[in-house]
Amino acid sequence: MTSLLLLLLAGGLPGTVMVLPPTGISSGAEQGWVGEAVSDLLPRELARLGVPAIDRFDRLRAHEALAIPPVSVTRATSIRIAEALGASRIVVGSYEAKGPSLSLALRILDVGRGALSAPLIAEGPPESLPGLVRSLAWDIALSGPTPITTTREAFLGPSRSPPYSLVALRSFGQALASRDGGARRKLLKAALASTPSFDEARIALARMQVEARESVAALDTLARVPPGSSSFRQARFLAGRADLDLGRYRDAAGIFAALSVEAPTPGVLNNYALALLRAGDGSGERASDALRKAVEVGPGVAEPPFNLGWALLTEGDGDAAALCMRGVLRDDPRDIHARIVLVWSLTQAGRSEEADAEWKPLVAVAPSYEALANADLGRRFERVMASENPPTLGQDRSQNADARRVLKDR
């Protein structure tokens, strides 16, 4: 594990970028799709240049966690979101339709100083939006601390600009802006019908299908993302999640194992461990080992410490499992599953008095949980991660400190 990756997962590298949708200037409803499309495409292009950028999906999850509507926000609110996500720079701006041309003007807001850069401008026909975004990504990358290891010609060359139809781009942007799930799905399918190679739209559709547990359909959608696509890693991660849902645990383990060789992110390690747990194939590799790594590289991420405790319980180490669960409960005393697993862990470790002290108040408040007094390791209490590097919202979780003690002590 490189120190750079550890720093990123711990709260963001210097220069980490959060992209907000640019706002329209008298462009009317006809171009209203542009802002959301830019907010999805730009972080992808920055990431391809090695610039740490927060994915649109994770930014929206942060909005939800912070109870901030994903609409136009004030500068103070945008800084609050960026600080919670560990971003040091925010991309804001505007777009304007000028006859047959579209103009993008983006500025960089320094979170620490509150200062805005001069505008970075790109202009062209609306169907050239991916190329405009790519050009602006290059300019943003040059302005930051991340070294660029390619040339402008290689990054902006013709091979990097697949032809997307205007119908596909408009449908994609409208889908991202829509709050209606049915409408969003139809628009994404329309985008793919117009431009089958539009992998960003394919990923968005597959994510909807995975979240809706339409896993067979999701795998069919993802199978059309070719290995050479810059979206291929995202496609494989989502395919692993779909395989987990379908009970194809060995297939899921194979996907996440391969992804972890390339980049052992918290989400990959966490989901790999769950695939091992559920497969129970006797390979000799313990799920707890992968979860220890997930805790180590993802301080502040909520799921791995709980899953580590669960894995340790299934492996027969009740004392270590109880230690993890106590940390989880310190951060969220309302976590009923963690409370139940703590009781099971204490019981397994022979600490019956402590187990009773935890159990009695729980069933007194919720008698329906009485049926779970005895450990049932067939329960699906494990927590699958929806993304590789989820936002931690600046939290310094004590549960991770407890989990790290498990790393050292066992």
Protein backbone atom coordinates (compact mmCIF):
# COMPACT_ATOMS: atom_id res chain seq x y z
CA MET A 1 0.00 0.00 0.00
CA THR A 2 1.54 3.28 -1.07
CA SER A 3 1.63 6.24 1.26
CA LEU A 4 -0.21 8.30 -1.38
CA LEU A 5 -3.17 5.92 -1.41
CA LEU A 6 -3.23 5.86 2.37
CA LEU A 7 -3.35 9.65 2.45
CA LEU A 8 -6.16 9.76 -0.07
CA LEU A 9 -8.27 7.25 1.81
CA ALA A 10 -7.59 8.98 5.11
CA GLY A 11 -9.19 12.22 4.03
CA GLY A 12 -8.00 13.39 0.64
CA LEU A 13 -4.74 14.25 -1.05
CA PRO A 14 -3.67 17.85 -1.50
CA GLY A 15 -5.49 19.06 -4.59
CA THR A 16 -8.48 16.70 -4.26
CA VAL A 17 -11.24 18.13 -6.44
CA MET A 18 -15.00 18.24 -5.97
CA VAL A 19 -17.03 19.20 -9.05
CA LEU A 20 -20.37 20.98 -8.72
CA PRO A 21 -22.72 21.19 -11.71
CA PRO A 22 -22.19 24.44 -13.59
CA THR A 23 -25.30 26.62 -13.87
CA GLY A 24 -26.91 27.81 -17.06
CA ILE A 25 -26.87 31.44 -18.18
CA SER A 26 -30.06 32.22 -20.10
CA SER A 27 -29.79 28.92 -21.92
CA GLY A 28 -33.35 27.80 -21.26
CA ALA A 29 -34.63 24.28 -20.75
CA GLU A 30 -33.13 23.11 -24.04
CA GLN A 31 -29.61 23.06 -22.56
CA GLY A 32 -30.60 22.27 -18.99
CA TRP A 33 -28.96 18.86 -19.26
CA VAL A 34 -25.45 20.26 -19.57
CA GLY A 35 -24.66 20.94 -15.89
CA GLU A 36 -25.29 17.43 -14.60
CA ALA A 37 -23.46 15.87 -17.53
CA VAL A 38 -20.40 18.00 -16.78
CA SER A 39 -20.53 17.08 -13.08
CA ASP A 40 -20.36 13.39 -14.03
CA LEU A 41 -17.85 13.53 -16.88
CA LEU A 42 -15.33 15.96 -15.40
CA PRO A 43 -14.34 13.93 -12.28
CA ARG A 44 -13.80 10.93 -14.56
CA GLU A 45 -11.44 12.87 -16.82
CA LEU A 46 -9.55 14.30 -13.86
CA ALA A 47 -9.13 10.81 -12.41
CA ARG A 48 -7.71 9.63 -15.73
CA LEU A 49 -5.03 12.28 -15.34
CA GLY A 50 -4.24 11.02 -11.84
CA VAL A 51 -5.94 13.97 -10.13
CA PRO A 52 -7.87 12.81 -7.04
CA ALA A 53 -11.48 13.74 -7.82
CA ILE A 54 -14.71 12.90 -6.02
CA ASP A 55 -17.09 10.86 -8.12
CA ARG A 56 -20.56 12.35 -8.67
CA PHE A 57 -22.19 9.30 -7.04
CA ASP A 58 -20.17 9.78 -3.86
CA ARG A 59 -20.77 13.53 -3.83
CA LEU A 60 -24.51 12.96 -3.95
CA ARG A 61 -24.23 10.46 -1.10
CA ALA A 62 -22.51 13.17 0.91
CA HIS A 63 -25.34 15.59 0.12
CA GLU A 64 -27.77 13.01 1.48
CA ALA A 65 -25.75 12.31 4.62
CA LEU A 66 -25.39 16.03 5.34
CA ALA A 67 -29.08 16.68 4.57
CA ILE A 68 -28.14 19.21 1.87
CA PRO A 69 -30.34 19.13 -1.27
CA PRO A 70 -28.30 18.48 -4.44
CA VAL A 71 -29.25 21.79 -6.01
CA SER A 72 -27.45 25.10 -6.36
CA VAL A 73 -25.69 25.80 -3.08
CA THR A 74 -23.99 28.83 -1.59
CA ARG A 75 -20.25 29.15 -1.48
CA ALA A 76 -20.26 28.50 2.27
CA THR A 77 -22.32 25.32 1.84
CA SER A 78 -20.14 24.06 -0.99
CA ILE A 79 -17.06 24.59 1.20
CA ARG A 80 -18.75 22.68 4.01
CA ILE A 81 -19.38 19.72 1.69
CA ALA A 82 -15.84 19.85 0.34
CA GLU A 83 -14.32 19.91 3.82
CA ALA A 84 -16.45 16.93 4.85
CA LEU A 85 -15.20 15.03 1.79
CA GLY A 86 -11.57 16.02 2.22
CA ALA A 87 -11.50 18.11 -0.96
CA SER A 88 -9.22 21.13 -1.14
CA ARG A 89 -10.57 22.48 -4.43
CA ILE A 90 -14.07 22.95 -5.83
CA VAL A 91 -14.87 23.38 -9.50
CA VAL A 92 -17.80 25.74 -10.07
CA GLY A 93 -18.93 27.67 -13.10
CA SER A 94 -21.51 28.24 -15.79
CA TYR A 95 -22.47 27.34 -19.33
CA GLU A 96 -24.22 29.29 -22.04
CA ALA A 97 -25.79 28.47 -25.36
CA LYS A 98 -24.61 30.90 -28.04
CA GLY A 99 -26.51 30.05 -31.19
CA PRO A 100 -25.20 26.69 -32.41
CA SER A 101 -22.35 26.77 -29.90
CA LEU A 102 -22.01 25.90 -26.21
CA SER A 103 -19.62 27.77 -23.94
CA LEU A 104 -18.32 26.39 -20.64
CA ALA A 105 -16.63 28.68 -18.10
CA LEU A 106 -15.28 26.89 -15.03
CA ARG A 107 -13.45 28.35 -12.02
CA ILE A 108 -11.53 26.71 -9.19
CA LEU A 109 -12.41 27.64 -5.63
CA ASP A 110 -9.61 27.14 -3.13
CA VAL A 111 -11.30 25.74 -0.02
CA GLY A 112 -8.64 26.93 2.40
CA ARG A 113 -8.36 30.49 1.11
CA GLY A 114 -11.87 30.94 -0.28
CA ALA A 115 -10.35 32.39 -3.46
CA LEU A 116 -11.64 31.85 -7.00
CA SER A 117 -9.39 31.39 -10.00
CA ALA A 118 -9.79 33.12 -13.31
CA PRO A 119 -12.31 31.30 -15.55
CA LEU A 120 -11.18 28.41 -17.72
CA ILE A 121 -13.18 28.52 -20.95
CA ALA A 122 -13.99 25.98 -23.65
CA GLU A 123 -16.43 26.43 -26.53
CA GLY A 124 -17.85 24.25 -29.27
CA PRO A 125 -21.01 22.59 -30.54
CA PRO A 126 -23.10 20.84 -27.85
CA GLU A 127 -22.26 17.40 -29.23
CA SER A 128 -18.58 18.12 -28.52
CA LEU A 129 -19.26 18.39 -24.76
CA PRO A 130 -17.05 15.39 -23.81
CA GLY A 131 -14.14 16.97 -25.66
CA LEU A 132 -14.77 20.35 -24.03
CA VAL A 133 -14.82 18.69 -20.61
CA ARG A 134 -11.63 16.82 -21.39
CA SER A 135 -9.88 20.03 -22.42
CA LEU A 136 -10.95 21.75 -19.20
CA ALA A 137 -9.83 18.73 -17.16
CA TRP A 138 -6.35 19.18 -18.60
CA ASP A 139 -6.31 22.87 -17.59
CA ILE A 140 -7.58 22.07 -14.07
CA ALA A 141 -4.96 19.35 -13.66
CA LEU A 142 -2.19 21.74 -14.71
CA SER A 143 -3.29 24.19 -12.03
CA GLY A 144 -2.98 21.67 -9.19
CA PRO A 145 -0.18 19.84 -7.37
CA THR A 146 -0.62 16.44 -9.06
CA PRO A 147 2.16 15.64 -11.56
CA ILE A 148 0.81 14.82 -15.02
CA THR A 149 2.49 11.83 -16.63
CA THR A 150 1.07 12.13 -20.14
CA THR A 151 1.10 14.75 -22.87
CA ARG A 152 -1.73 17.04 -23.89
CA GLU A 153 -1.72 15.50 -27.35
CA ALA A 154 -2.07 11.98 -25.96
CA PHE A 155 -4.81 12.97 -23.55
CA LEU A 156 -6.84 15.04 -26.01
CA GLY A 157 -6.10 13.00 -29.12
CA PRO A 158 -8.79 11.72 -31.49
CA SER A 159 -8.75 8.24 -29.95
CA ARG A 160 -9.88 9.78 -26.65
CA SER A 161 -12.93 11.40 -28.22
CA PRO A 162 -15.48 8.75 -29.21
CA PRO A 163 -18.36 10.24 -31.17
CA TYR A 164 -21.37 10.73 -28.90
CA SER A 165 -24.56 11.88 -30.56
CA LEU A 166 -26.26 15.00 -29.25
CA VAL A 167 -29.35 12.87 -28.54
CA ALA A 168 -27.25 10.56 -26.34
CA LEU A 169 -25.59 13.42 -24.45
CA ARG A 170 -28.88 15.23 -23.89
CA SER A 171 -30.60 12.04 -22.71
CA PHE A 172 -27.70 11.27 -20.38
CA GLY A 173 -27.70 14.72 -18.80
CA GLN A 174 -31.48 14.72 -18.46
CA ALA A 175 -31.34 11.30 -16.80
CA LEU A 176 -28.83 12.51 -14.23
CA ALA A 177 -30.98 15.55 -13.49
CA SER A 178 -34.21 13.57 -13.17
CA ARG A 179 -35.53 12.59 -9.74
CA ASP A 180 -37.95 10.09 -11.26
CA GLY A 181 -36.43 6.63 -11.40
CA GLY A 182 -38.58 5.43 -14.28
CA ALA A 183 -37.83 8.48 -16.37
CA ARG A 184 -34.12 8.22 -15.57
CA ARG A 185 -34.02 4.61 -16.72
CA LYS A 186 -35.81 5.42 -20.02
CA LEU A 187 -33.47 8.31 -20.71
CA LEU A 188 -30.35 6.23 -20.08
CA LYS A 189 -31.64 3.53 -22.41
CA ALA A 190 -32.35 6.20 -25.01
CA ALA A 191 -28.78 7.44 -24.67
CA LEU A 192 -27.43 3.93 -25.23
CA ALA A 193 -29.77 3.30 -28.15
CA SER A 194 -28.38 6.42 -29.81
CA THR A 195 -24.72 5.77 -28.89
CA PRO A 196 -24.09 2.15 -27.77
CA SER A 197 -20.46 2.98 -26.91
CA PHE A 198 -21.55 5.57 -24.29
CA ASP A 199 -20.02 3.68 -21.36
CA GLU A 200 -20.71 6.42 -18.81
CA ALA A 201 -24.43 6.03 -19.51
CA ARG A 202 -24.08 2.25 -19.33
CA ILE A 203 -22.48 2.51 -15.89
CA ALA A 204 -25.27 4.83 -14.69
CA LEU A 205 -27.93 2.38 -15.91
CA ALA A 206 -26.16 -0.62 -14.38
CA ARG A 207 -25.83 1.17 -11.05
CA MET A 208 -29.60 1.73 -11.04
CA GLN A 209 -30.15 -1.94 -11.81
CA VAL A 210 -27.78 -3.10 -9.08
CA GLU A 211 -29.43 -0.83 -6.51
CA ALA A 212 -32.84 -2.19 -7.55
CA ARG A 213 -31.45 -5.75 -7.26
CA GLU A 214 -32.06 -6.37 -10.95
CA SER A 215 -28.74 -8.16 -10.94
CA VAL A 216 -29.15 -10.34 -14.03
CA ALA A 217 -30.07 -7.27 -16.09
CA ALA A 218 -27.15 -5.38 -14.55
CA LEU A 219 -24.68 -8.08 -15.57
CA ASP A 220 -26.01 -7.99 -19.12
CA THR A 221 -25.61 -4.20 -19.19
CA LEU A 222 -22.08 -4.35 -17.77
CA ALA A 223 -20.94 -7.12 -20.12
CA ARG A 224 -21.08 -4.59 -22.95
CA VAL A 225 -18.35 -2.39 -21.39
CA PRO A 226 -15.16 -3.49 -23.19
CA PRO A 227 -11.87 -4.13 -21.33
CA GLY A 228 -10.25 -1.17 -23.05
CA SER A 229 -12.84 1.28 -21.75
CA SER A 230 -11.87 3.78 -19.09
CA SER A 231 -15.11 2.70 -17.33
CA PHE A 232 -14.07 -0.96 -17.21
CA ARG A 233 -12.98 -0.96 -13.57
CA GLN A 234 -16.30 0.56 -12.49
CA ALA A 235 -18.08 -2.07 -14.57
CA ARG A 236 -16.17 -4.89 -12.88
CA PHE A 237 -16.85 -3.49 -9.40
CA LEU A 238 -20.58 -3.31 -10.13
CA ALA A 239 -20.51 -6.79 -11.66
CA GLY A 240 -18.98 -8.09 -8.43
CA ARG A 241 -21.82 -6.52 -6.47
CA ALA A 242 -24.36 -8.13 -8.81
CA ASP A 243 -22.69 -11.52 -8.38
CA LEU A 244 -22.88 -11.15 -4.60
CA ASP A 245 -26.61 -10.46 -4.87
CA LEU A 246 -27.12 -13.52 -7.10
CA GLY A 247 -25.20 -15.84 -4.76
CA ARG A 248 -22.35 -16.28 -7.25
CA TYR A 249 -19.79 -15.82 -4.52
CA ARG A 250 -16.79 -17.43 -6.20
CA ASP A 251 -17.32 -15.28 -9.29
CA ALA A 252 -17.56 -12.20 -7.07
CA ALA A 253 -14.42 -13.19 -5.16
CA GLY A 254 -12.54 -13.58 -8.44
CA ILE A 255 -13.59 -10.12 -9.64
CA PHE A 256 -12.70 -8.35 -6.40
CA ALA A 257 -9.42 -10.26 -6.04
CA ALA A 258 -8.34 -9.07 -9.49
CA LEU A 259 -9.36 -5.49 -8.73
CA SER A 260 -7.44 -5.54 -5.44
CA VAL A 261 -4.23 -6.42 -7.26
CA GLU A 262 -4.60 -3.25 -9.34
CA ALA A 263 -5.73 -1.01 -6.46
CA PRO A 264 -6.71 -2.39 -3.02
CA THR A 265 -9.39 0.16 -2.16
CA PRO A 266 -11.67 -0.20 0.90
CA GLY A 267 -14.70 -1.12 -1.20
CA VAL A 268 -12.87 -3.80 -3.16
CA LEU A 269 -11.29 -5.37 -0.07
CA ASN A 270 -14.54 -5.20 1.90
CA ASN A 271 -16.62 -6.85 -0.82
CA TYR A 272 -13.91 -9.42 -1.54
CA ALA A 273 -14.01 -10.46 2.11
CA LEU A 274 -17.80 -10.81 2.00
CA ALA A 275 -17.53 -13.02 -1.07
CA LEU A 276 -15.04 -15.23 0.79
CA LEU A 277 -17.30 -15.37 3.84
CA ARG A 278 -20.32 -16.39 1.83
CA ALA A 279 -18.48 -18.84 -0.43
CA GLY A 280 -17.01 -20.77 2.48
CA ASP A 281 -14.85 -22.65 -0.03
CA GLY A 282 -12.13 -23.68 2.40
CA SER A 283 -9.43 -22.01 0.32
CA GLY A 284 -7.50 -21.16 3.47
CA GLU A 285 -7.77 -17.41 2.95
CA ARG A 286 -9.61 -15.75 5.81
CA ALA A 287 -12.14 -13.00 5.24
CA SER A 288 -10.85 -11.24 8.34
CA ASP A 289 -7.44 -10.79 6.70
CA ALA A 290 -8.93 -8.85 3.80
CA LEU A 291 -11.08 -6.81 6.20
CA ARG A 292 -8.05 -5.93 8.32
CA LYS A 293 -6.53 -4.45 5.17
CA ALA A 294 -9.78 -2.62 4.39
CA VAL A 295 -9.79 -1.05 7.86
CA GLU A 296 -6.15 -0.09 7.50
CA VAL A 297 -6.49 1.64 4.12
CA GLY A 298 -9.90 3.15 4.80
CA PRO A 299 -9.88 4.95 8.14
CA GLY A 300 -13.25 6.57 8.64
CA VAL A 301 -15.12 4.15 6.36
CA ALA A 302 -18.00 2.63 8.33
CA GLU A 303 -18.58 -0.80 6.81
CA PRO A 304 -15.23 -2.66 7.19
CA PRO A 305 -15.04 -2.49 11.03
CA PHE A 306 -18.52 -3.99 11.38
CA ASN A 307 -17.74 -6.65 8.79
CA LEU A 308 -14.42 -7.40 10.48
CA GLY A 309 -16.25 -8.08 13.73
CA TRP A 310 -18.74 -10.29 11.89
CA ALA A 311 -15.95 -12.22 10.15
CA LEU A 312 -14.06 -12.74 13.40
CA LEU A 313 -17.23 -14.09 14.99
CA THR A 314 -17.70 -16.59 12.14
CA GLU A 315 -14.04 -17.58 12.49
CA GLY A 316 -14.49 -18.27 16.20
CA ASP A 317 -12.64 -15.29 17.70
CA GLY A 318 -15.37 -13.88 19.93
CA ASP A 319 -13.11 -11.62 21.98
CA ALA A 320 -11.80 -9.78 18.92
CA ALA A 321 -15.28 -9.60 17.40
CA ALA A 322 -16.63 -8.02 20.58
CA LEU A 323 -13.86 -5.43 20.53
CA CYS A 324 -14.84 -4.40 17.00
CA MET A 325 -18.54 -4.22 17.81
CA ARG A 326 -18.03 -2.08 20.89
CA GLY A 327 -16.26 0.45 18.69
CA VAL A 328 -19.09 0.38 16.15
CA LEU A 329 -21.61 1.00 18.92
CA ARG A 330 -19.63 3.89 20.36
CA ASP A 331 -20.09 5.69 17.06
CA ASP A 332 -23.70 4.60 16.58
CA PRO A 333 -25.45 3.30 19.72
CA ARG A 334 -28.61 2.76 17.66
CA ASP A 335 -27.00 0.08 15.49
CA ILE A 336 -29.18 -2.88 16.48
CA HIS A 337 -27.30 -5.41 14.37
CA ALA A 338 -24.02 -4.40 15.99
CA ARG A 339 -25.64 -4.83 19.41
CA ILE A 340 -26.87 -8.31 18.50
CA VAL A 341 -23.49 -9.35 17.10
CA LEU A 342 -21.79 -8.00 20.24
CA VAL A 343 -23.99 -10.26 22.37
CA TRP A 344 -23.22 -13.25 20.18
CA SER A 345 -19.50 -12.46 20.31
CA LEU A 346 -19.44 -12.16 24.09
CA THR A 347 -21.36 -15.42 24.40
CA GLN A 348 -18.94 -17.19 22.08
CA ALA A 349 -16.03 -15.87 24.17
CA GLY A 350 -17.60 -17.28 27.35
CA ARG A 351 -18.38 -13.83 28.77
CA SER A 352 -22.01 -14.63 29.57
CA GLU A 353 -22.51 -11.93 32.21
CA GLU A 354 -21.42 -9.20 29.80
CA ALA A 355 -23.62 -10.70 27.10
CA ASP A 356 -26.66 -10.64 29.43
CA ALA A 357 -25.93 -7.03 30.39
CA GLU A 358 -26.06 -6.07 26.71
CA TRP A 359 -29.01 -8.27 25.79
CA LYS A 360 -31.57 -7.51 28.51
CA PRO A 361 -31.93 -3.76 27.79
CA LEU A 362 -32.30 -4.51 24.08
CA VAL A 363 -35.15 -7.02 24.40
CA ALA A 364 -36.79 -4.90 27.07
CA VAL A 365 -37.21 -2.14 24.51
CA ALA A 366 -37.76 -4.45 21.51
CA PRO A 367 -39.14 -7.86 22.58
CA SER A 368 -39.29 -9.02 18.96
CA TYR A 369 -35.52 -9.48 19.03
CA GLU A 370 -35.85 -12.28 21.59
CA ALA A 371 -35.77 -14.77 18.72
CA LEU A 372 -32.18 -13.69 18.01
CA ALA A 373 -30.86 -14.58 21.45
CA ASN A 374 -28.82 -17.43 19.98
CA ALA A 375 -26.20 -16.81 17.33
CA ASP A 376 -27.40 -17.32 13.77
CA LEU A 377 -24.43 -16.95 11.44
CA GLY A 378 -26.67 -17.56 8.45
CA ARG A 379 -28.06 -14.05 8.84
CA ARG A 380 -27.02 -11.55 6.18
CA PHE A 381 -25.76 -8.88 8.56
CA GLU A 382 -22.67 -8.21 6.43
CA ARG A 383 -22.53 -4.80 4.76
CA VAL A 384 -21.73 -4.60 1.06
CA MET A 385 -20.08 -1.36 -0.03
CA ALA A 386 -21.67 0.56 -2.91
CA SER A 387 -18.48 2.32 -4.03
CA GLU A 388 -14.75 1.83 -3.78
CA ASN A 389 -13.86 5.01 -1.89
CA PRO A 390 -16.99 6.26 -0.15
CA PRO A 391 -17.02 9.68 1.49
CA THR A 392 -16.22 9.57 5.20
CA LEU A 393 -17.56 13.08 5.85
CA GLY A 394 -14.54 13.98 7.94
CA GLN A 395 -15.45 11.52 10.68
CA ASP A 396 -12.78 10.23 13.05
CA ARG A 397 -14.46 7.00 14.00
CA SER A 398 -13.41 5.34 17.23
CA GLN A 399 -14.58 2.05 15.71
CA ASN A 400 -11.59 2.18 13.40
CA ALA A 401 -9.28 2.66 16.35
CA ASP A 402 -10.69 -0.49 17.92
CA ALA A 403 -10.43 -2.35 14.66
CA ARG A 404 -6.79 -1.26 14.31
CA ARG A 405 -6.15 -2.72 17.75
CA VAL A 406 -7.40 -5.98 16.34
CA LEU A 407 -4.92 -5.54 13.49
CA LYS A 408 -2.06 -5.27 15.97
CA ASP A 409 -3.18 -7.78 18.56
CA ARG A 410 -4.05 -10.64 16.20
